[in-house]
Amino acid sequence: MNYSKINGQLVCKMAMPLAFMFAACSDTNSGSDVAGGTVEETGIYALSGRVGDVYPKLLDYVKNVDPQSGSLSFGNEVLAKEGTIVSVYELDASTFAETGTAFVDTVNNGGRFAFDSLFLNSPYALITTQERVGDKYKEARKAIVDLRKKKEISVNLLTGAKVPYVQDYLAEGKTFEEANQLAERATLAKYGVYEDLGPFENLNDGVTELSYVAKLMTILEHLGPLVSGRSTYDAVMMIGARVIYSTPDEDINLDSELGQFYLSDKKMASYVVEYFASQNGFGQCTESRENEMHVVANYMGPYGVVCRSGKWVLGFKKIDYTAGSMTDDRKGKTYKTVTYNWGDVSQTWMAEDYLDDSQWGDAMAVEDDASSLNFANHQGVCPDGWRIPNLDDWHVLLENMGSQYGVAYDKVVPALYDGPATGFGLHSRVMRRDVEWAIQDYEPDDDEMAMYYANAIVGDFWVNFIVANASIPSIQLFTHGDILYGFDFSMDQEDQHRLDVGFTGAVRGAGYGHVRCVKN
């Protein structure tokens, strides 16, 4: 591509404020000494790249609709518009101040730019971009680069966020390499990420972990102040328990584009939780803080956050339990189990459902009068040595687990969803329509409802279980939909689980629910 360079102090002073008019300037100073006694490397450098961001495939505003068929496909790039101006400013190799030399180019319709021959006295350069908005230009993305090491570069949100940190570390006397590494750590730490995710300038190299950080930054950048006094921070935190503790129905093919959207959204939620933790001042989750738990509330409800394996995750501290398995010889299938020792009482439960959506009569394996059944020890459809749990079994589980967390039995249900914490293995259910609905028509600039639900997959926390001596309507956990906005032990009364005894002594065909067997 063509680019221009203009020399001379007077012309430079006039041209610099008008970078978008394709000016490039140079002052007459060159050859300054650099830190460590080396000399500026006068040379000809080449630089090319793209301006824009790469995201996971879950952005509703990177949708591509076929005008003929109306079919939807997902892109994962937001590139600079054609005509966006790219300026390269030489930086003094000693002070890293702008020398006055600049080169200017524009990007093509693929967001690309290219400088074949940059005549510079220093290998260090600041890259800035200006996008046209109406009849004006505004600064968009930027980056600082060592042209000896970077011939191809992505100029994106992350590189721009890094620039102020790089400048501060250089001012402290750090080498360019040291400043660059420290700046990337500081940028990621701002969003609750503490591991090395690779150079920010490599964001074009496919969908990486950096893509998720870029997505989070975009959420914060695009949402802005939300209506009704609700903050961007609160809106971001609406992503959470709904998808983190979900299990997709069988009709969601995880290898399909729809399935990948679901998996990306689930992973994105984990990044949001880490950001949430950083904004509340929890600091870094380290080995010494393992199992440390905090509860923080936002306007939609409280969240439990725990330090686990180096990350802050949505959930609860781990209690003592033993994970195991059993094999049902009749089905030839192995099921996960969990054993709790509650002092003098021990319980072993299946840690996954034995049956889904069964009727009470079918689960109990009775056809007529059930008044003579021994509900304290009724096998029903469960494997040999196991039985359908009764109300007492559930009370023992919930009351003793509640005591582990210091809450009443009717508050502890959320912990059953956190497998690593309690081993019980409940899951929110996500159906195909939940994923399809989340990606349909919402855009960042749409109304309040759109901002709430854009990219949000809604999981269903309402679960019924078959109970031996309570056929109508069995046991219900989380009987109110609003629980999906918060996740800890501070639910309102209507959000609590309930144990309803409705047994009439006869099978009435009511009481649909899941079957969790308990060991005799």
Protein backbone atom coordinates (compact mmCIF):
# COMPACT_ATOMS: atom_id res chain seq x y z
CA MET A 1 0.00 0.00 0.00
CA ASN A 2 1.09 3.60 -0.50
CA TYR A 3 2.10 5.68 2.45
CA SER A 4 3.72 9.02 2.90
CA LYS A 5 6.48 10.66 4.90
CA ILE A 6 7.02 14.40 5.32
CA ASN A 7 10.26 15.84 6.75
CA GLY A 8 10.97 19.12 8.51
CA GLN A 9 10.19 20.63 11.88
CA LEU A 10 7.70 23.24 10.61
CA VAL A 11 5.78 20.87 8.40
CA CYS A 12 5.81 18.27 11.17
CA LYS A 13 4.16 20.64 13.66
CA MET A 14 1.43 21.37 11.18
CA ALA A 15 0.91 17.79 10.04
CA MET A 16 0.88 15.87 13.29
CA PRO A 17 -2.61 17.02 14.42
CA LEU A 18 -3.87 16.05 10.95
CA ALA A 19 -2.63 12.47 10.86
CA PHE A 20 -5.76 11.37 9.09
CA MET A 21 -4.73 13.53 6.11
CA PHE A 22 -1.91 11.04 5.42
CA ALA A 23 0.94 13.17 6.76
CA ALA A 24 4.20 11.74 8.05
CA CYS A 25 6.82 13.77 9.85
CA SER A 26 10.45 13.62 10.88
CA ASP A 27 12.58 15.86 13.04
CA THR A 28 16.29 16.21 12.50
CA ASN A 29 17.52 14.42 15.63
CA SER A 30 18.94 10.94 15.28
CA GLY A 31 21.62 8.70 16.65
CA SER A 32 20.81 9.04 20.38
CA ASP A 33 22.40 6.60 22.78
CA VAL A 34 20.17 3.92 24.29
CA ALA A 35 20.15 2.42 27.76
CA GLY A 36 23.08 0.09 28.21
CA GLY A 37 25.37 2.04 25.88
CA THR A 38 24.10 0.79 22.52
CA VAL A 39 23.27 3.08 19.62
CA GLU A 40 19.98 3.51 17.80
CA GLU A 41 19.65 1.07 14.94
CA THR A 42 19.13 3.14 11.84
CA GLY A 43 17.57 0.94 9.21
CA ILE A 44 14.75 0.07 6.89
CA TYR A 45 11.96 -1.93 8.50
CA ALA A 46 8.89 -3.65 7.13
CA LEU A 47 5.64 -3.95 9.06
CA SER A 48 2.24 -5.37 8.17
CA GLY A 49 -0.78 -6.58 10.05
CA ARG A 50 -4.45 -6.22 10.81
CA VAL A 51 -6.49 -3.81 12.87
CA GLY A 52 -9.33 -5.43 14.80
CA ASP A 53 -10.22 -8.09 17.32
CA VAL A 54 -10.71 -11.86 17.29
CA TYR A 55 -13.31 -13.35 19.62
CA PRO A 56 -14.73 -16.73 20.58
CA LYS A 57 -17.64 -17.74 18.35
CA LEU A 58 -20.38 -16.37 20.58
CA LEU A 59 -20.83 -12.78 19.54
CA ASP A 60 -24.35 -11.88 18.48
CA TYR A 61 -23.05 -8.77 16.76
CA VAL A 62 -20.65 -10.75 14.57
CA LYS A 63 -23.49 -12.66 12.96
CA ASN A 64 -23.61 -13.20 9.22
CA VAL A 65 -27.06 -13.70 7.71
CA ASP A 66 -27.30 -15.12 4.20
CA PRO A 67 -29.62 -12.69 2.35
CA GLN A 68 -30.95 -15.49 0.15
CA SER A 69 -31.66 -18.24 2.66
CA GLY A 70 -31.72 -16.20 5.86
CA SER A 71 -29.46 -18.80 7.49
CA LEU A 72 -27.21 -17.68 10.32
CA SER A 73 -23.50 -18.23 10.63
CA PHE A 74 -21.03 -16.90 13.16
CA GLY A 75 -17.91 -14.92 12.55
CA ASN A 76 -15.35 -14.29 15.23
CA GLU A 77 -13.62 -11.16 13.97
CA VAL A 78 -14.44 -7.47 14.13
CA LEU A 79 -12.01 -5.75 11.78
CA ALA A 80 -11.35 -2.08 11.16
CA LYS A 81 -13.36 -0.51 8.36
CA GLU A 82 -11.73 0.14 5.03
CA GLY A 83 -10.09 3.55 5.09
CA THR A 84 -9.16 3.42 8.78
CA ILE A 85 -5.91 5.33 9.19
CA VAL A 86 -2.81 3.63 10.57
CA SER A 87 0.06 5.82 11.76
CA VAL A 88 3.53 4.59 12.73
CA TYR A 89 5.46 6.97 15.01
CA GLU A 90 9.16 6.44 15.61
CA LEU A 91 10.14 6.31 19.32
CA ASP A 92 13.54 7.40 20.56
CA ALA A 93 15.52 4.30 21.54
CA SER A 94 16.71 5.96 24.75
CA THR A 95 13.76 7.99 26.02
CA PHE A 96 10.97 6.26 24.03
CA ALA A 97 9.51 9.67 23.28
CA GLU A 98 8.15 10.35 19.80
CA THR A 99 10.93 11.67 17.55
CA GLY A 100 8.64 13.42 15.10
CA THR A 101 9.07 10.85 12.33
CA ALA A 102 5.80 9.27 11.25
CA PHE A 103 4.39 7.17 8.43
CA VAL A 104 0.72 6.92 7.53
CA ASP A 105 -1.33 4.35 5.63
CA THR A 106 -4.95 3.15 5.39
CA VAL A 107 -6.36 -0.34 5.84
CA ASN A 108 -8.10 -2.31 3.10
CA ASN A 109 -11.44 -4.09 3.39
CA GLY A 110 -9.81 -6.98 5.24
CA GLY A 111 -8.57 -4.70 8.00
CA ARG A 112 -4.99 -5.08 6.72
CA PHE A 113 -2.21 -2.55 6.33
CA ALA A 114 1.38 -2.81 5.10
CA PHE A 115 4.52 -0.66 5.30
CA ASP A 116 7.24 -2.06 3.04
CA SER A 117 10.02 0.40 3.88
CA LEU A 118 10.08 2.35 7.13
CA PHE A 119 13.26 4.47 7.24
CA LEU A 120 13.91 4.86 10.99
CA ASN A 121 16.75 5.67 13.35
CA SER A 122 15.13 3.55 16.08
CA PRO A 123 13.51 0.10 15.93
CA TYR A 124 10.79 1.12 18.38
CA ALA A 125 7.49 2.48 17.14
CA LEU A 126 4.05 3.48 18.36
CA ILE A 127 1.19 2.44 16.09
CA THR A 128 -2.13 4.27 16.32
CA THR A 129 -5.34 3.92 14.33
CA GLN A 130 -8.12 6.41 13.66
CA GLU A 131 -11.55 5.27 12.50
CA ARG A 132 -13.96 7.53 10.70
CA VAL A 133 -17.14 8.28 12.68
CA GLY A 134 -19.43 10.54 10.71
CA ASP A 135 -17.33 13.40 9.43
CA LYS A 136 -14.63 12.99 12.10
CA TYR A 137 -11.91 10.55 13.03
CA LYS A 138 -11.47 9.05 16.50
CA GLU A 139 -8.62 7.03 17.94
CA ALA A 140 -9.41 3.33 18.07
CA ARG A 141 -6.60 0.82 18.60
CA LYS A 142 -2.88 1.23 19.27
CA ALA A 143 0.27 -0.77 19.95
CA ILE A 144 3.98 -0.36 20.75
CA VAL A 145 6.34 -2.63 18.85
CA ASP A 146 10.01 -3.53 18.42
CA LEU A 147 10.29 -3.68 14.63
CA ARG A 148 13.30 -5.97 14.83
CA LYS A 149 11.12 -8.70 16.34
CA LYS A 150 7.68 -8.03 14.85
CA LYS A 151 7.09 -8.02 11.12
CA GLU A 152 3.40 -8.96 11.41
CA ILE A 153 1.20 -7.48 14.11
CA SER A 154 -2.38 -7.44 15.33
CA VAL A 155 -3.44 -4.01 16.57
CA ASN A 156 -6.34 -4.70 18.89
CA LEU A 157 -8.05 -3.89 22.18
CA LEU A 158 -5.42 -5.75 24.19
CA THR A 159 -2.41 -4.10 22.58
CA GLY A 160 -4.07 -0.74 23.14
CA ALA A 161 -4.78 -1.46 26.80
CA LYS A 162 -1.15 -2.47 27.24
CA VAL A 163 0.38 0.78 25.88
CA PRO A 164 0.02 2.96 29.04
CA TYR A 165 1.59 0.22 31.15
CA VAL A 166 4.49 -0.17 28.71
CA GLN A 167 5.11 3.58 28.83
CA ASP A 168 5.07 3.62 32.63
CA TYR A 169 7.52 0.72 32.92
CA LEU A 170 9.84 2.28 30.35
CA ALA A 171 9.76 5.51 32.38
CA GLU A 172 10.92 3.45 35.37
CA GLY A 173 14.00 2.34 33.43
CA LYS A 174 12.86 -1.13 32.40
CA THR A 175 14.11 -2.55 29.13
CA PHE A 176 11.57 -2.73 26.32
CA GLU A 177 11.25 -6.50 26.73
CA GLU A 178 10.77 -6.24 30.49
CA ALA A 179 8.25 -3.43 30.12
CA ASN A 180 6.30 -5.40 27.54
CA GLN A 181 6.03 -8.51 29.69
CA LEU A 182 5.11 -6.59 32.84
CA ALA A 183 2.54 -4.58 30.91
CA GLU A 184 0.81 -7.73 29.64
CA ARG A 185 0.63 -9.12 33.18
CA ALA A 186 -0.79 -5.86 34.51
CA THR A 187 -3.38 -5.65 31.72
CA LEU A 188 -4.62 -9.21 32.30
CA ALA A 189 -4.63 -8.77 36.09
CA LYS A 190 -7.07 -5.88 35.65
CA TYR A 191 -9.55 -8.46 34.35
CA GLY A 192 -8.73 -11.10 36.96
CA VAL A 193 -6.42 -13.18 34.75
CA TYR A 194 -3.01 -14.00 36.19
CA GLU A 195 -1.47 -16.52 33.80
CA ASP A 196 0.57 -15.83 30.68
CA LEU A 197 -1.75 -16.06 27.65
CA GLY A 198 0.85 -15.23 25.02
CA PRO A 199 1.81 -12.01 23.19
CA PHE A 200 -1.10 -9.66 22.64
CA GLU A 201 0.15 -8.90 19.13
CA ASN A 202 -0.65 -12.51 18.17
CA LEU A 203 -4.40 -12.17 18.65
CA ASN A 204 -4.94 -12.97 14.96
CA ASP A 205 -3.55 -16.47 15.42
CA GLY A 206 -6.91 -18.22 15.76
CA VAL A 207 -9.20 -18.34 18.78
CA THR A 208 -7.01 -18.50 21.89
CA GLU A 209 -7.47 -17.65 25.54
CA LEU A 210 -6.74 -14.04 24.62
CA SER A 211 -9.94 -14.10 22.57
CA TYR A 212 -12.00 -14.48 25.75
CA VAL A 213 -10.29 -11.53 27.41
CA ALA A 214 -10.94 -9.47 24.27
CA LYS A 215 -14.60 -10.51 24.45
CA LEU A 216 -14.82 -9.40 28.09
CA MET A 217 -13.25 -6.05 27.22
CA THR A 218 -15.77 -5.67 24.41
CA ILE A 219 -18.68 -6.32 26.76
CA LEU A 220 -17.44 -3.58 29.02
CA GLU A 221 -16.71 -1.22 26.12
CA HIS A 222 -19.97 -1.70 24.23
CA LEU A 223 -22.54 -1.90 27.00
CA GLY A 224 -21.57 1.34 28.67
CA PRO A 225 -23.86 2.71 31.39
CA LEU A 226 -26.97 0.56 31.53
CA VAL A 227 -30.46 2.00 31.91
CA SER A 228 -32.25 2.36 35.24
CA GLY A 229 -29.00 3.09 37.03
CA ARG A 230 -27.67 -0.44 36.58
CA SER A 231 -23.99 -0.58 35.91
CA THR A 232 -22.05 -2.37 33.20
CA TYR A 233 -20.49 -4.39 36.00
CA ASP A 234 -23.88 -5.73 37.07
CA ALA A 235 -24.87 -6.51 33.50
CA VAL A 236 -21.68 -8.48 32.92
CA MET A 237 -22.28 -10.50 36.06
CA MET A 238 -25.63 -11.74 34.80
CA ILE A 239 -23.56 -14.37 33.01
CA GLY A 240 -22.85 -17.00 35.63
CA ALA A 241 -24.64 -19.87 37.29
CA ARG A 242 -27.10 -20.28 34.44
CA VAL A 243 -24.47 -21.73 32.14
CA ILE A 244 -21.61 -22.73 34.47
CA TYR A 245 -23.65 -25.46 36.19
CA SER A 246 -25.53 -26.54 33.10
CA THR A 247 -25.69 -29.79 31.20
CA PRO A 248 -26.89 -29.67 27.59
CA ASP A 249 -29.75 -31.88 26.47
CA GLU A 250 -28.96 -34.66 24.04
CA ASP A 251 -30.35 -32.65 21.12
CA ILE A 252 -27.46 -30.19 21.40
CA ASN A 253 -24.62 -31.60 19.30
CA LEU A 254 -21.47 -30.21 20.89
CA ASP A 255 -19.57 -30.68 17.63
CA SER A 256 -22.01 -28.42 15.78
CA GLU A 257 -21.74 -24.64 15.54
CA LEU A 258 -24.61 -24.36 18.01
CA GLY A 259 -22.79 -26.65 20.43
CA GLN A 260 -19.60 -24.66 20.10
CA PHE A 261 -21.56 -21.51 20.90
CA TYR A 262 -22.77 -23.20 24.11
CA LEU A 263 -19.26 -24.35 25.10
CA SER A 264 -17.78 -20.92 24.37
CA ASP A 265 -20.48 -19.21 26.41
CA LYS A 266 -19.80 -21.57 29.30
CA LYS A 267 -16.09 -20.83 29.15
CA MET A 268 -16.74 -17.10 28.79
CA ALA A 269 -18.75 -17.22 32.00
CA SER A 270 -15.66 -18.45 33.87
CA TYR A 271 -13.70 -15.40 32.68
CA VAL A 272 -16.54 -13.15 33.82
CA VAL A 273 -16.42 -14.68 37.31
CA GLU A 274 -12.68 -14.02 37.56
CA TYR A 275 -13.28 -10.42 36.52
CA PHE A 276 -16.05 -10.24 39.13
CA ALA A 277 -13.61 -11.45 41.80
CA SER A 278 -10.94 -8.92 40.79
CA GLN A 279 -13.43 -6.04 40.91
CA ASN A 280 -14.33 -6.99 44.47
CA GLY A 281 -10.71 -6.90 45.57
CA PHE A 282 -10.23 -10.62 46.18
CA GLY A 283 -6.79 -10.56 44.60
CA GLN A 284 -5.15 -13.58 43.02
CA CYS A 285 -6.33 -17.10 43.85
CA THR A 286 -3.16 -18.89 44.96
CA GLU A 287 -2.38 -22.31 46.40
CA SER A 288 -2.31 -20.92 49.93
CA ARG A 289 -5.87 -19.59 49.48
CA GLU A 290 -7.36 -22.82 48.16
CA ASN A 291 -10.99 -23.29 49.26
CA GLU A 292 -11.28 -19.68 50.44
CA MET A 293 -14.83 -18.49 49.84
CA HIS A 294 -16.47 -15.06 49.52
CA VAL A 295 -20.05 -13.96 49.01
CA VAL A 296 -20.70 -10.76 47.11
CA ALA A 297 -24.09 -9.37 46.10
CA ASN A 298 -25.07 -7.40 43.04
CA TYR A 299 -28.50 -6.03 42.21
CA MET A 300 -29.81 -9.38 40.90
CA GLY A 301 -28.66 -11.47 43.85
CA PRO A 302 -25.66 -12.77 45.78
CA TYR A 303 -22.85 -14.88 44.34
CA GLY A 304 -20.64 -17.38 46.09
CA VAL A 305 -17.05 -17.29 44.76
CA VAL A 306 -14.38 -19.77 45.82
CA CYS A 307 -10.65 -20.13 45.16
CA ARG A 308 -10.11 -23.42 43.35
CA SER A 309 -7.00 -24.68 41.52
CA GLY A 310 -5.61 -21.22 40.90
CA LYS A 311 -8.86 -19.58 39.75
CA TRP A 312 -11.84 -17.86 41.32
CA VAL A 313 -14.90 -19.84 40.33
CA LEU A 314 -18.60 -19.55 41.00
CA GLY A 315 -19.31 -21.96 43.85
CA PHE A 316 -18.68 -22.99 47.41
CA LYS A 317 -15.93 -24.30 49.62
CA LYS A 318 -15.32 -28.04 49.45
CA ILE A 319 -16.71 -30.25 52.22
CA ASP A 320 -15.56 -33.76 53.11
CA TYR A 321 -16.97 -36.50 50.89
CA THR A 322 -15.76 -39.60 49.07
CA ALA A 323 -16.37 -39.95 45.35
CA GLY A 324 -16.90 -43.44 43.99
CA SER A 325 -18.86 -45.46 41.47
CA MET A 326 -21.17 -48.47 41.20
CA THR A 327 -22.12 -50.70 38.28
CA ASP A 328 -25.71 -51.73 37.67
CA ASP A 329 -25.38 -55.30 36.39
CA ARG A 330 -28.88 -55.18 34.94
CA LYS A 331 -28.00 -52.29 32.63
CA GLY A 332 -24.27 -52.85 32.40
CA LYS A 333 -23.86 -49.16 33.21
CA THR A 334 -21.60 -47.51 35.77
CA TYR A 335 -22.87 -44.60 37.87
CA LYS A 336 -20.96 -42.04 39.91
CA THR A 337 -21.56 -42.12 43.68
CA VAL A 338 -20.81 -39.89 46.64
CA THR A 339 -20.50 -40.86 50.31
CA TYR A 340 -20.95 -38.49 53.26
CA ASN A 341 -20.05 -39.27 56.85
CA TRP A 342 -22.23 -37.10 59.07
CA GLY A 343 -20.82 -38.10 62.45
CA ASP A 344 -22.84 -41.16 63.47
CA VAL A 345 -24.73 -41.15 60.17
CA SER A 346 -23.34 -42.15 56.79
CA GLN A 347 -25.06 -41.79 53.43
CA THR A 348 -24.11 -42.94 49.92
CA TRP A 349 -26.04 -41.39 47.04
CA MET A 350 -25.81 -41.72 43.31
CA ALA A 351 -24.01 -38.62 42.10
CA GLU A 352 -26.02 -38.56 38.87
CA ASP A 353 -29.61 -39.32 37.97
CA TYR A 354 -30.55 -42.98 37.62
CA LEU A 355 -33.63 -42.08 35.58
CA ASP A 356 -34.91 -38.85 34.05
CA ASP A 357 -38.55 -37.73 33.99
CA SER A 358 -40.01 -40.86 35.53
CA GLN A 359 -43.47 -41.22 37.04
CA TRP A 360 -43.79 -41.99 40.72
CA GLY A 361 -45.54 -45.31 40.07
CA ASP A 362 -42.95 -46.39 37.52
CA ALA A 363 -40.03 -45.43 39.77
CA MET A 364 -41.60 -47.26 42.71
CA ALA A 365 -42.40 -50.28 40.46
CA VAL A 366 -45.98 -50.58 41.77
CA GLU A 367 -49.21 -50.79 39.80
CA ASP A 368 -52.06 -50.74 42.32
CA ASP A 369 -52.46 -49.98 46.03
CA ALA A 370 -49.24 -48.65 47.55
CA SER A 371 -50.44 -48.29 51.13
CA SER A 372 -48.59 -51.40 52.35
CA LEU A 373 -45.18 -50.42 50.95
CA ASN A 374 -42.20 -50.00 53.27
CA PHE A 375 -41.13 -46.52 52.26
CA ALA A 376 -38.13 -46.61 54.57
CA ASN A 377 -36.52 -49.30 52.43
CA HIS A 378 -38.19 -49.57 49.03
CA GLN A 379 -35.96 -50.64 46.12
CA GLY A 380 -38.30 -49.73 43.27
CA VAL A 381 -36.35 -49.46 40.01
CA CYS A 382 -33.02 -48.93 41.80
CA PRO A 383 -30.25 -51.56 41.56
CA ASP A 384 -29.88 -54.27 44.21
CA GLY A 385 -28.60 -52.78 47.46
CA TRP A 386 -30.06 -49.37 46.58
CA ARG A 387 -33.48 -47.81 47.09
CA ILE A 388 -35.75 -44.86 46.32
CA PRO A 389 -34.92 -42.13 48.90
CA ASN A 390 -37.65 -40.98 51.27
CA LEU A 391 -38.21 -37.63 52.96
CA ASP A 392 -36.00 -38.57 55.91
CA ASP A 393 -33.10 -39.33 53.54
CA TRP A 394 -33.40 -35.89 51.99
CA HIS A 395 -33.64 -34.19 55.37
CA VAL A 396 -30.53 -36.00 56.61
CA LEU A 397 -28.64 -34.91 53.51
CA LEU A 398 -29.73 -31.27 53.53
CA GLU A 399 -29.61 -30.69 57.29
CA ASN A 400 -26.12 -32.14 57.66
CA MET A 401 -24.81 -30.41 54.57
CA GLY A 402 -26.34 -27.16 55.79
CA SER A 403 -24.43 -27.55 59.04
CA GLN A 404 -21.18 -27.78 57.04
CA TYR A 405 -21.86 -24.34 55.58
CA GLY A 406 -23.54 -22.81 58.62
CA VAL A 407 -26.95 -22.41 56.96
CA ALA A 408 -30.40 -23.96 57.42
CA TYR A 409 -31.30 -27.06 55.41
CA ASP A 410 -33.60 -25.08 53.11
CA LYS A 411 -30.76 -22.72 52.14
CA VAL A 412 -28.07 -25.22 51.19
CA VAL A 413 -29.54 -26.51 47.91
CA PRO A 414 -27.28 -24.38 45.63
CA ALA A 415 -24.24 -26.28 46.89
CA LEU A 416 -25.68 -29.50 45.44
CA TYR A 417 -24.95 -28.04 41.99
CA ASP A 418 -21.26 -27.52 42.71
CA GLY A 419 -19.77 -30.94 41.99
CA PRO A 420 -16.23 -30.23 43.28
CA ALA A 421 -17.65 -28.72 46.49
CA THR A 422 -20.18 -31.38 47.49
CA GLY A 423 -19.90 -34.19 44.94
CA PHE A 424 -23.69 -34.41 44.54
CA GLY A 425 -23.67 -33.39 40.90
CA LEU A 426 -26.90 -31.53 40.25
CA HIS A 427 -26.98 -29.67 36.93
CA SER A 428 -28.98 -26.89 35.39
CA ARG A 429 -30.57 -28.15 32.19
CA VAL A 430 -30.06 -26.31 28.92
CA MET A 431 -32.22 -27.21 25.92
CA ARG A 432 -31.58 -26.50 22.27
CA ARG A 433 -34.14 -23.70 22.22
CA ASP A 434 -32.30 -21.98 25.10
CA VAL A 435 -29.15 -21.74 22.98
CA GLU A 436 -31.02 -20.75 19.81
CA TRP A 437 -32.92 -18.06 21.69
CA ALA A 438 -29.70 -16.61 23.12
CA ILE A 439 -28.22 -15.97 19.67
CA GLN A 440 -31.19 -14.84 17.61
CA ASP A 441 -31.84 -11.16 17.17
CA TYR A 442 -30.19 -9.10 19.87
CA GLU A 443 -27.67 -6.39 19.08
CA PRO A 444 -25.50 -4.32 21.47
CA ASP A 445 -27.52 -1.18 20.83
CA ASP A 446 -30.92 -2.79 21.33
CA ASP A 447 -33.22 -2.14 24.28
CA GLU A 448 -32.70 -3.02 27.92
CA MET A 449 -33.99 -6.57 27.53
CA ALA A 450 -31.55 -7.21 24.70
CA MET A 451 -28.64 -6.02 26.81
CA TYR A 452 -29.73 -8.33 29.60
CA TYR A 453 -29.91 -11.44 27.51
CA ALA A 454 -27.52 -10.99 24.62
CA ASN A 455 -25.19 -14.01 24.67
CA ALA A 456 -26.89 -15.44 27.78
CA ILE A 457 -27.94 -19.08 27.77
CA VAL A 458 -30.65 -19.62 30.35
CA GLY A 459 -30.40 -22.86 32.30
CA ASP A 460 -33.30 -24.35 34.25
CA PHE A 461 -32.62 -24.89 37.97
CA TRP A 462 -36.09 -26.22 38.73
CA VAL A 463 -35.69 -29.92 39.52
CA ASN A 464 -38.20 -32.51 40.77
CA PHE A 465 -37.11 -35.75 42.40
CA ILE A 466 -39.16 -38.84 43.10
CA VAL A 467 -39.47 -39.46 46.82
CA ALA A 468 -40.74 -42.80 48.16
CA ASN A 469 -43.30 -41.40 50.59
CA ALA A 470 -44.25 -38.16 48.78
CA SER A 471 -45.79 -38.79 45.41
CA ILE A 472 -47.37 -35.38 44.81
CA PRO A 473 -45.28 -33.52 43.73
CA SER A 474 -42.15 -35.24 45.06
CA ILE A 475 -39.26 -32.94 46.09
CA GLN A 476 -38.71 -29.63 44.31
CA LEU A 477 -35.41 -27.76 44.32
CA PHE A 478 -35.34 -24.06 43.39
CA THR A 479 -38.99 -23.36 42.74
CA HIS A 480 -38.52 -19.82 41.39
CA GLY A 481 -36.82 -18.78 38.17
CA ASP A 482 -34.98 -15.73 39.53
CA ILE A 483 -32.45 -17.97 41.25
CA LEU A 484 -30.58 -18.10 37.95
CA TYR A 485 -29.36 -14.54 38.56
CA GLY A 486 -27.61 -15.27 41.85
CA PHE A 487 -25.91 -18.22 43.46
CA ASP A 488 -25.33 -18.55 47.16
CA PHE A 489 -27.25 -19.37 50.36
CA SER A 490 -29.26 -16.15 50.66
CA MET A 491 -32.33 -17.05 48.63
CA ASP A 492 -35.73 -15.54 49.25
CA GLN A 493 -38.44 -17.80 50.65
CA GLU A 494 -39.95 -18.41 47.23
CA ASP A 495 -36.55 -19.45 45.88
CA GLN A 496 -36.01 -22.12 48.53
CA HIS A 497 -36.56 -25.79 47.88
CA ARG A 498 -39.56 -27.44 49.43
CA LEU A 499 -40.49 -30.92 50.60
CA ASP A 500 -44.17 -31.52 49.97
CA VAL A 501 -45.85 -34.61 51.40
CA GLY A 502 -48.75 -35.51 49.17
CA PHE A 503 -48.95 -39.29 49.47
CA THR A 504 -52.52 -40.59 49.38
CA GLY A 505 -51.95 -44.33 49.64
CA ALA A 506 -52.73 -44.99 45.98
CA VAL A 507 -50.93 -44.51 42.70
CA ARG A 508 -52.49 -41.59 40.84
CA GLY A 509 -50.02 -41.23 37.98
CA ALA A 510 -48.72 -37.94 39.31
CA GLY A 511 -45.29 -36.90 40.52
CA TYR A 512 -43.02 -36.78 37.49
CA GLY A 513 -39.37 -36.37 38.42
CA HIS A 514 -35.83 -37.64 38.35
CA VAL A 515 -34.69 -40.70 40.28
CA ARG A 516 -31.63 -40.52 42.54
CA CYS A 517 -31.04 -43.80 44.33
CA VAL A 518 -29.56 -43.99 47.82
CA LYS A 519 -27.62 -46.98 49.14
CA ASN A 520 -29.22 -49.20 51.80
